[in-house]
Amino acid sequence: MSILQQTISCPFCGHAVHLTVEVTDEDQSYIEDCSNCCNPMHVRVHKDEQHHSIQLFIDADDEQYY
């Protein structure tokens, strides 16, 4: 397990949101509220073993913004 720290823009208000994600071998999906507008952001984390990378997806209203 590793820790990923990423700053993203809220898909609702554009505010910079700092995320700390514990990356595991399994995909993760959870809701994180924006600290500015309190709207729920859908966070998905995927660890790509083949390319040695971590993919972070931030969605709102079923549309991918990041």
Protein backbone atom coordinates (compact mmCIF):
# COMPACT_ATOMS: atom_id res chain seq x y z
CA MET A 1 0.00 0.00 0.00
CA SER A 2 1.19 3.50 -0.79
CA ILE A 3 -0.07 7.02 -0.15
CA LEU A 4 -0.95 9.40 -2.99
CA GLN A 5 -1.41 13.10 -2.33
CA GLN A 6 -3.05 15.02 -5.13
CA THR A 7 -4.58 18.47 -5.53
CA ILE A 8 -7.61 18.48 -7.81
CA SER A 9 -10.19 21.06 -8.83
CA CYS A 10 -13.73 20.51 -7.60
CA PRO A 11 -15.91 19.71 -10.63
CA PHE A 12 -18.69 21.84 -9.12
CA CYS A 13 -17.01 25.05 -7.95
CA GLY A 14 -13.40 24.81 -9.20
CA HIS A 15 -11.93 25.12 -5.69
CA ALA A 16 -8.59 23.37 -5.13
CA VAL A 17 -9.17 20.26 -3.02
CA HIS A 18 -6.31 18.30 -1.46
CA LEU A 19 -6.86 14.53 -1.49
CA THR A 20 -4.86 11.92 0.38
CA VAL A 21 -5.53 8.46 -1.02
CA GLU A 22 -4.26 5.15 0.29
CA VAL A 23 -3.56 3.12 -2.84
CA THR A 24 -4.20 -0.60 -2.53
CA ASP A 25 -4.02 -3.43 -5.05
CA GLU A 26 -7.78 -3.27 -5.52
CA ASP A 27 -9.71 -0.50 -7.26
CA GLN A 28 -11.39 1.96 -4.93
CA SER A 29 -14.53 4.04 -5.31
CA TYR A 30 -15.82 6.48 -2.71
CA ILE A 31 -17.48 9.87 -2.19
CA GLU A 32 -15.49 12.86 -0.95
CA ASP A 33 -17.23 16.17 -0.18
CA CYS A 34 -15.70 19.39 -1.48
CA SER A 35 -14.36 21.45 1.43
CA ASN A 36 -15.64 24.64 -0.22
CA CYS A 37 -19.10 23.92 -1.69
CA CYS A 38 -19.82 20.60 0.12
CA ASN A 39 -20.99 18.89 -3.08
CA PRO A 40 -20.16 15.17 -3.30
CA MET A 41 -17.35 14.19 -5.67
CA HIS A 42 -17.07 10.58 -6.82
CA VAL A 43 -13.41 9.50 -6.47
CA ARG A 44 -12.16 6.37 -8.24
CA VAL A 45 -8.60 5.03 -7.86
CA HIS A 46 -7.07 2.39 -10.14
CA LYS A 47 -3.59 0.94 -9.74
CA ASP A 48 -2.21 -0.04 -13.16
CA GLU A 49 0.41 -2.71 -12.44
CA GLN A 50 1.37 -3.13 -16.10
CA HIS A 51 2.30 0.54 -16.56
CA HIS A 52 3.39 1.13 -12.94
CA SER A 53 0.99 4.02 -12.57
CA ILE A 54 -1.99 5.13 -10.54
CA GLN A 55 -5.08 6.54 -12.21
CA LEU A 56 -7.28 8.95 -10.30
CA PHE A 57 -10.74 9.83 -11.64
CA ILE A 58 -12.97 12.54 -10.20
CA ASP A 59 -16.60 12.56 -11.34
CA ALA A 60 -19.66 14.66 -10.67
CA ASP A 61 -23.18 14.01 -11.94
CA ASP A 62 -21.84 10.98 -13.86
CA GLU A 63 -19.54 13.15 -15.99
CA GLN A 64 -15.77 12.83 -15.78
CA TYR A 65 -14.03 16.15 -15.16
CA TYR A 66 -10.44 15.20 -14.16
